[in-house]
């Protein structure tokens, strides 16, 4: 990527989608997972992305989806990538890629260096790895505002394109970039007033902070 990419995830209203585009987000994320407070249906994604410029990517976030879920999302014609945020194996990631015909991102839950090393198994299956904090058992798999030890990524040789998620906000983003050198950052709870309630002001502040890093 020629410049730092910004994915704003868990968007669910026209106002926040528009704000993310105006602020300079390169990727918009839409969560299709009923247990999440950010859940949106395929037709909502189609409506929300109708006016999004073609240069801004639209990513659906899924957790262990079945083939029917994938087919319904792809049928909207609204998406440019899928993000898998569950326990999907490298084989399943490769299968979703074939089935959807879209680039597939794989979220990697990180607690220690072994988790980062294990992500190498997804080389050739995933188009992008997204390193996120491992959440407690029974909690949602992401969007919890948790961060892992970002220094674990320092000096790592990661052949697959990758990004950083978890615990990012306007206050922490420069430290995150400095410690990891991440080429893509993915924010959700850090631009919210409450779970699932995005803030236009925080969206703008996040992108302004990134540009100042």
C-alpha atoms as a PDB file:
ATOM      1  CA  UNK A   1       0.000   0.000   0.000  1.00  0.00           C
ATOM      2  CA  UNK A   2       1.406   3.372  -0.984  1.00  0.00           C
ATOM      3  CA  UNK A   3       0.083   5.093   2.149  1.00  0.00           C
ATOM      4  CA  UNK A   4      -1.407   4.103   5.457  1.00  0.00           C
ATOM      5  CA  UNK A   5      -4.800   2.524   4.875  1.00  0.00           C
ATOM      6  CA  UNK A   6      -7.658   3.160   7.312  1.00  0.00           C
ATOM      7  CA  UNK A   7     -10.579   0.776   7.784  1.00  0.00           C
ATOM      8  CA  UNK A   8     -13.524   2.052   9.790  1.00  0.00           C
ATOM      9  CA  UNK A   9     -15.498  -0.958  10.919  1.00  0.00           C
ATOM     10  CA  UNK A  10     -18.981  -1.564  12.267  1.00  0.00           C
ATOM     11  CA  UNK A  11     -20.640   1.237  10.323  1.00  0.00           C
ATOM     12  CA  UNK A  12     -24.429   1.111  10.253  1.00  0.00           C
ATOM     13  CA  UNK A  13     -25.856   4.531   9.320  1.00  0.00           C
ATOM     14  CA  UNK A  14     -25.660   6.754   6.219  1.00  0.00           C
ATOM     15  CA  UNK A  15     -24.305   9.611   8.353  1.00  0.00           C
ATOM     16  CA  UNK A  16     -21.320   7.664   9.646  1.00  0.00           C
ATOM     17  CA  UNK A  17     -20.598   6.056   6.292  1.00  0.00           C
ATOM     18  CA  UNK A  18     -20.520   9.532   4.734  1.00  0.00           C
ATOM     19  CA  UNK A  19     -18.310  10.850   7.530  1.00  0.00           C
ATOM     20  CA  UNK A  20     -15.846   7.979   7.113  1.00  0.00           C
ATOM     21  CA  UNK A  21     -15.565   8.645   3.380  1.00  0.00           C
ATOM     22  CA  UNK A  22     -15.109  12.392   3.906  1.00  0.00           C
ATOM     23  CA  UNK A  23     -12.510  11.815   6.609  1.00  0.00           C
ATOM     24  CA  UNK A  24     -10.375   9.720   4.278  1.00  0.00           C
ATOM     25  CA  UNK A  25     -11.117   6.094   5.178  1.00  0.00           C
ATOM     26  CA  UNK A  26      -9.864   3.704   2.513  1.00  0.00           C
ATOM     27  CA  UNK A  27     -11.995   0.788   3.704  1.00  0.00           C
ATOM     28  CA  UNK A  28     -15.464   0.613   5.235  1.00  0.00           C
ATOM     29  CA  UNK A  29     -16.416  -2.384   7.370  1.00  0.00           C
ATOM     30  CA  UNK A  30     -19.925  -3.789   7.834  1.00  0.00           C
ATOM     31  CA  UNK A  31     -20.531  -6.451  10.467  1.00  0.00           C
ATOM     32  CA  UNK A  32     -22.888  -9.286   9.536  1.00  0.00           C
ATOM     33  CA  UNK A  33     -23.040 -11.196  12.825  1.00  0.00           C
ATOM     34  CA  UNK A  34     -26.335 -11.148  14.756  1.00  0.00           C
ATOM     35  CA  UNK A  35     -24.661 -11.280  18.187  1.00  0.00           C
ATOM     36  CA  UNK A  36     -22.878  -7.991  17.515  1.00  0.00           C
ATOM     37  CA  UNK A  37     -24.393  -4.585  18.357  1.00  0.00           C
ATOM     38  CA  UNK A  38     -23.052  -3.504  14.960  1.00  0.00           C
ATOM     39  CA  UNK A  39     -24.914  -6.170  12.957  1.00  0.00           C
ATOM     40  CA  UNK A  40     -26.384  -5.193   9.592  1.00  0.00           C
ATOM     41  CA  UNK A  41     -28.252  -7.293   7.035  1.00  0.00           C
ATOM     42  CA  UNK A  42     -27.104  -7.693   3.409  1.00  0.00           C
ATOM     43  CA  UNK A  43     -29.748  -5.306   2.072  1.00  0.00           C
ATOM     44  CA  UNK A  44     -28.674  -2.677   4.606  1.00  0.00           C
ATOM     45  CA  UNK A  45     -25.119  -3.012   3.362  1.00  0.00           C
ATOM     46  CA  UNK A  46     -26.322  -2.520  -0.199  1.00  0.00           C
ATOM     47  CA  UNK A  47     -28.198   0.645   0.801  1.00  0.00           C
ATOM     48  CA  UNK A  48     -25.359   2.025   2.920  1.00  0.00           C
ATOM     49  CA  UNK A  49     -22.778   1.596   0.172  1.00  0.00           C
ATOM     50  CA  UNK A  50     -24.868   2.915  -2.710  1.00  0.00           C
ATOM     51  CA  UNK A  51     -23.174   6.312  -2.769  1.00  0.00           C
ATOM     52  CA  UNK A  52     -19.705   5.198  -1.672  1.00  0.00           C
ATOM     53  CA  UNK A  53     -17.019   6.114  -4.243  1.00  0.00           C
ATOM     54  CA  UNK A  54     -15.523   3.169  -6.106  1.00  0.00           C
ATOM     55  CA  UNK A  55     -12.028   3.837  -4.738  1.00  0.00           C
ATOM     56  CA  UNK A  56     -13.217   3.088  -1.180  1.00  0.00           C
ATOM     57  CA  UNK A  57     -13.315  -0.634  -0.384  1.00  0.00           C
ATOM     58  CA  UNK A  58     -16.355  -2.222   1.267  1.00  0.00           C
ATOM     59  CA  UNK A  59     -15.649  -5.154   3.581  1.00  0.00           C
ATOM     60  CA  UNK A  60     -18.199  -7.479   5.204  1.00  0.00           C
ATOM     61  CA  UNK A  61     -17.122  -8.909   8.560  1.00  0.00           C
ATOM     62  CA  UNK A  62     -18.316 -12.457   9.279  1.00  0.00           C
ATOM     63  CA  UNK A  63     -17.811 -15.027  12.037  1.00  0.00           C
ATOM     64  CA  UNK A  64     -17.617 -18.661  10.908  1.00  0.00           C
ATOM     65  CA  UNK A  65     -20.126 -18.067   8.082  1.00  0.00           C
ATOM     66  CA  UNK A  66     -21.796 -20.844   6.154  1.00  0.00           C
ATOM     67  CA  UNK A  67     -21.917 -20.894   2.373  1.00  0.00           C
ATOM     68  CA  UNK A  68     -25.442 -19.458   2.247  1.00  0.00           C
ATOM     69  CA  UNK A  69     -24.431 -16.393   4.249  1.00  0.00           C
ATOM     70  CA  UNK A  70     -21.537 -15.779   1.924  1.00  0.00           C
ATOM     71  CA  UNK A  71     -23.706 -16.191  -1.166  1.00  0.00           C
ATOM     72  CA  UNK A  72     -26.299 -13.705   0.134  1.00  0.00           C
ATOM     73  CA  UNK A  73     -23.659 -11.088   0.826  1.00  0.00           C
ATOM     74  CA  UNK A  74     -21.886 -11.535  -2.488  1.00  0.00           C
ATOM     75  CA  UNK A  75     -25.235 -11.278  -4.308  1.00  0.00           C
ATOM     76  CA  UNK A  76     -25.640  -7.690  -3.102  1.00  0.00           C
ATOM     77  CA  UNK A  77     -22.825  -6.624  -5.414  1.00  0.00           C
ATOM     78  CA  UNK A  78     -21.862  -4.134  -2.705  1.00  0.00           C
ATOM     79  CA  UNK A  79     -18.653  -5.698  -1.434  1.00  0.00           C
ATOM     80  CA  UNK A  80     -15.027  -5.696  -2.459  1.00  0.00           C
ATOM     81  CA  UNK A  81     -13.761  -8.074   0.257  1.00  0.00           C
ATOM     82  CA  UNK A  82     -14.827 -10.409   3.066  1.00  0.00           C
ATOM     83  CA  UNK A  83     -13.269 -10.499   6.537  1.00  0.00           C
ATOM     84  CA  UNK A  84     -13.438 -13.704   8.569  1.00  0.00           C
ATOM     85  CA  UNK A  85     -13.285 -13.124  12.313  1.00  0.00           C
ATOM     86  CA  UNK A  86     -13.995 -16.571  13.742  1.00  0.00           C
ATOM     87  CA  UNK A  87     -12.108 -19.839  14.029  1.00  0.00           C
ATOM     88  CA  UNK A  88     -11.831 -20.405  10.286  1.00  0.00           C
ATOM     89  CA  UNK A  89      -8.972 -22.704   9.267  1.00  0.00           C
ATOM     90  CA  UNK A  90      -6.638 -21.894   6.367  1.00  0.00           C
ATOM     91  CA  UNK A  91      -8.581 -24.431   4.315  1.00  0.00           C
ATOM     92  CA  UNK A  92     -11.890 -22.733   5.071  1.00  0.00           C
ATOM     93  CA  UNK A  93     -10.431 -19.313   4.246  1.00  0.00           C
ATOM     94  CA  UNK A  94      -9.266 -20.632   0.878  1.00  0.00           C
ATOM     95  CA  UNK A  95     -12.699 -22.156   0.263  1.00  0.00           C
ATOM     96  CA  UNK A  96     -14.465 -18.861   1.047  1.00  0.00           C
ATOM     97  CA  UNK A  97     -12.131 -17.118  -1.350  1.00  0.00           C
ATOM     98  CA  UNK A  98     -13.051 -19.559  -4.126  1.00  0.00           C
ATOM     99  CA  UNK A  99     -16.766 -19.449  -3.351  1.00  0.00           C
ATOM    100  CA  UNK A 100     -17.041 -15.670  -3.134  1.00  0.00           C
ATOM    101  CA  UNK A 101     -14.621 -14.651  -5.857  1.00  0.00           C
ATOM    102  CA  UNK A 102     -13.549 -11.833  -3.527  1.00  0.00           C
ATOM    103  CA  UNK A 103     -10.355 -11.116  -1.580  1.00  0.00           C
ATOM    104  CA  UNK A 104     -10.589 -12.592   1.917  1.00  0.00           C
ATOM    105  CA  UNK A 105      -9.107 -11.134   5.088  1.00  0.00           C
ATOM    106  CA  UNK A 106      -8.484 -13.304   8.152  1.00  0.00           C
ATOM    107  CA  UNK A 107      -8.512 -11.826  11.640  1.00  0.00           C
ATOM    108  CA  UNK A 108      -5.835 -13.323  13.883  1.00  0.00           C
ATOM    109  CA  UNK A 109      -6.507 -13.241  17.630  1.00  0.00           C
ATOM    110  CA  UNK A 110      -3.276 -12.363  19.414  1.00  0.00           C
ATOM    111  CA  UNK A 111      -2.207 -12.856  23.006  1.00  0.00           C
ATOM    112  CA  UNK A 112       1.446 -13.839  22.532  1.00  0.00           C
ATOM    113  CA  UNK A 113       4.104 -14.297  19.871  1.00  0.00           C
ATOM    114  CA  UNK A 114       2.995 -17.858  19.182  1.00  0.00           C
ATOM    115  CA  UNK A 115      -0.300 -16.496  17.863  1.00  0.00           C
ATOM    116  CA  UNK A 116       1.565 -14.312  15.372  1.00  0.00           C
ATOM    117  CA  UNK A 117       3.763 -17.228  14.322  1.00  0.00           C
ATOM    118  CA  UNK A 118       0.654 -19.395  13.814  1.00  0.00           C
ATOM    119  CA  UNK A 119      -0.761 -16.819  11.393  1.00  0.00           C
ATOM    120  CA  UNK A 120       1.846 -17.888   8.846  1.00  0.00           C
ATOM    121  CA  UNK A 121      -0.319 -20.935   8.147  1.00  0.00           C
ATOM    122  CA  UNK A 122      -2.711 -18.605   6.296  1.00  0.00           C
ATOM    123  CA  UNK A 123      -0.115 -17.591   3.695  1.00  0.00           C
ATOM    124  CA  UNK A 124      -1.583 -18.266   0.266  1.00  0.00           C
ATOM    125  CA  UNK A 125      -5.109 -18.661   1.670  1.00  0.00           C
ATOM    126  CA  UNK A 126      -5.835 -15.159   3.006  1.00  0.00           C
ATOM    127  CA  UNK A 127      -5.261 -11.970   1.043  1.00  0.00           C
ATOM    128  CA  UNK A 128      -4.700  -9.981   4.246  1.00  0.00           C
ATOM    129  CA  UNK A 129      -4.121 -10.816   7.911  1.00  0.00           C
ATOM    130  CA  UNK A 130      -5.650  -8.568  10.560  1.00  0.00           C
ATOM    131  CA  UNK A 131      -3.963  -8.839  13.958  1.00  0.00           C
ATOM    132  CA  UNK A 132      -6.472  -8.186  16.744  1.00  0.00           C
ATOM    133  CA  UNK A 133      -6.518  -8.736  20.503  1.00  0.00           C
ATOM    134  CA  UNK A 134      -7.716 -12.094  21.757  1.00  0.00           C
ATOM    135  CA  UNK A 135     -10.969 -11.613  23.668  1.00  0.00           C
ATOM    136  CA  UNK A 136     -12.088 -13.560  26.773  1.00  0.00           C
ATOM    137  CA  UNK A 137     -14.023 -16.832  26.339  1.00  0.00           C
ATOM    138  CA  UNK A 138     -17.671 -16.146  25.583  1.00  0.00           C
ATOM    139  CA  UNK A 139     -17.055 -12.543  24.522  1.00  0.00           C
ATOM    140  CA  UNK A 140     -17.506 -11.181  21.032  1.00  0.00           C
ATOM    141  CA  UNK A 141     -14.492 -12.031  18.838  1.00  0.00           C
ATOM    142  CA  UNK A 142     -13.715  -8.369  18.132  1.00  0.00           C
ATOM    143  CA  UNK A 143     -14.840  -4.788  18.590  1.00  0.00           C
ATOM    144  CA  UNK A 144     -14.183  -4.904  22.336  1.00  0.00           C
ATOM    145  CA  UNK A 145     -11.609  -2.121  22.479  1.00  0.00           C
ATOM    146  CA  UNK A 146      -8.924  -4.509  23.735  1.00  0.00           C
ATOM    147  CA  UNK A 147      -5.293  -4.303  22.664  1.00  0.00           C
ATOM    148  CA  UNK A 148      -2.465  -6.799  22.716  1.00  0.00           C
ATOM    149  CA  UNK A 149       1.230  -6.070  23.201  1.00  0.00           C
ATOM    150  CA  UNK A 150       1.956  -4.261  19.963  1.00  0.00           C
ATOM    151  CA  UNK A 151       5.702  -4.772  20.372  1.00  0.00           C
ATOM    152  CA  UNK A 152       5.092  -8.421  19.454  1.00  0.00           C
ATOM    153  CA  UNK A 153       4.838  -7.271  15.832  1.00  0.00           C
ATOM    154  CA  UNK A 154       8.113  -5.359  15.913  1.00  0.00           C
ATOM    155  CA  UNK A 155      10.619  -6.833  13.496  1.00  0.00           C
ATOM    156  CA  UNK A 156       8.289  -9.582  12.332  1.00  0.00           C
ATOM    157  CA  UNK A 157       8.649 -10.803   8.759  1.00  0.00           C
ATOM    158  CA  UNK A 158       5.070 -11.171   7.552  1.00  0.00           C
ATOM    159  CA  UNK A 159       4.840 -12.175   3.904  1.00  0.00           C
ATOM    160  CA  UNK A 160       1.073 -11.672   3.624  1.00  0.00           C
ATOM    161  CA  UNK A 161      -0.288  -8.094   3.586  1.00  0.00           C
ATOM    162  CA  UNK A 162      -1.480  -7.248   7.073  1.00  0.00           C
ATOM    163  CA  UNK A 163      -3.154  -4.724   9.326  1.00  0.00           C
ATOM    164  CA  UNK A 164      -3.626  -3.893  12.995  1.00  0.00           C
ATOM    165  CA  UNK A 165      -6.837  -3.793  15.012  1.00  0.00           C
ATOM    166  CA  UNK A 166      -7.843  -3.635  18.669  1.00  0.00           C
ATOM    167  CA  UNK A 167      -7.599  -0.754  21.104  1.00  0.00           C
ATOM    168  CA  UNK A 168      -7.121   1.888  18.434  1.00  0.00           C
ATOM    169  CA  UNK A 169      -8.404   5.434  18.896  1.00  0.00           C
ATOM    170  CA  UNK A 170      -7.304   8.977  18.145  1.00  0.00           C
ATOM    171  CA  UNK A 171      -5.315   8.856  21.401  1.00  0.00           C
ATOM    172  CA  UNK A 172      -3.472   5.587  20.720  1.00  0.00           C
ATOM    173  CA  UNK A 173      -3.037   5.447  16.961  1.00  0.00           C
ATOM    174  CA  UNK A 174       0.353   7.153  16.724  1.00  0.00           C
ATOM    175  CA  UNK A 175       1.835   4.820  19.336  1.00  0.00           C
ATOM    176  CA  UNK A 176       0.371   1.841  17.469  1.00  0.00           C
ATOM    177  CA  UNK A 177       1.876   2.935  14.171  1.00  0.00           C
ATOM    178  CA  UNK A 178       5.229   3.713  15.766  1.00  0.00           C
ATOM    179  CA  UNK A 179       5.490   0.333  17.489  1.00  0.00           C
ATOM    180  CA  UNK A 180       4.221  -1.868  14.667  1.00  0.00           C
ATOM    181  CA  UNK A 181       4.731  -0.068  11.360  1.00  0.00           C
ATOM    182  CA  UNK A 182       1.287  -1.306  10.380  1.00  0.00           C
ATOM    183  CA  UNK A 183       0.377  -0.475   6.771  1.00  0.00           C
ATOM    184  CA  UNK A 184      -3.354  -0.697   7.587  1.00  0.00           C
ATOM    185  CA  UNK A 185      -5.240   0.193  10.773  1.00  0.00           C
ATOM    186  CA  UNK A 186      -8.758  -0.969  11.599  1.00  0.00           C
ATOM    187  CA  UNK A 187     -10.860   0.924  14.155  1.00  0.00           C
ATOM    188  CA  UNK A 188     -14.326   0.227  15.548  1.00  0.00           C
ATOM    189  CA  UNK A 189     -14.987   0.844  19.258  1.00  0.00           C
ATOM    190  CA  UNK A 190     -12.447   3.694  19.221  1.00  0.00           C
ATOM    191  CA  UNK A 191     -14.816   5.786  17.091  1.00  0.00           C
ATOM    192  CA  UNK A 192     -17.950   5.069  19.134  1.00  0.00           C
ATOM    193  CA  UNK A 193     -19.922   6.822  21.867  1.00  0.00           C
ATOM    194  CA  UNK A 194     -21.382   3.438  22.916  1.00  0.00           C
ATOM    195  CA  UNK A 195     -21.212  -0.104  21.483  1.00  0.00           C
ATOM    196  CA  UNK A 196     -22.585   0.090  17.951  1.00  0.00           C
ATOM    197  CA  UNK A 197     -23.105   3.871  18.084  1.00  0.00           C
ATOM    198  CA  UNK A 198     -20.512   5.550  15.891  1.00  0.00           C
ATOM    199  CA  UNK A 199     -19.538   9.181  16.428  1.00  0.00           C
ATOM    200  CA  UNK A 200     -19.013  11.482  13.450  1.00  0.00           C
ATOM    201  CA  UNK A 201     -16.697  13.638  15.583  1.00  0.00           C
ATOM    202  CA  UNK A 202     -14.580  10.631  16.608  1.00  0.00           C
ATOM    203  CA  UNK A 203     -14.394   9.416  13.009  1.00  0.00           C
ATOM    204  CA  UNK A 204     -13.017  12.785  11.942  1.00  0.00           C
ATOM    205  CA  UNK A 205     -10.652  12.967  14.930  1.00  0.00           C
ATOM    206  CA  UNK A 206      -9.234   9.505  14.224  1.00  0.00           C
ATOM    207  CA  UNK A 207      -8.335  10.277  10.625  1.00  0.00           C
ATOM    208  CA  UNK A 208      -6.900  13.642  11.638  1.00  0.00           C
ATOM    209  CA  UNK A 209      -4.728  11.892  14.225  1.00  0.00           C
ATOM    210  CA  UNK A 210      -3.492   9.367  11.644  1.00  0.00           C
ATOM    211  CA  UNK A 211      -2.469  12.140   9.267  1.00  0.00           C
ATOM    212  CA  UNK A 212      -0.525  13.837  12.086  1.00  0.00           C
ATOM    213  CA  UNK A 213       1.447  10.734  13.087  1.00  0.00           C
END
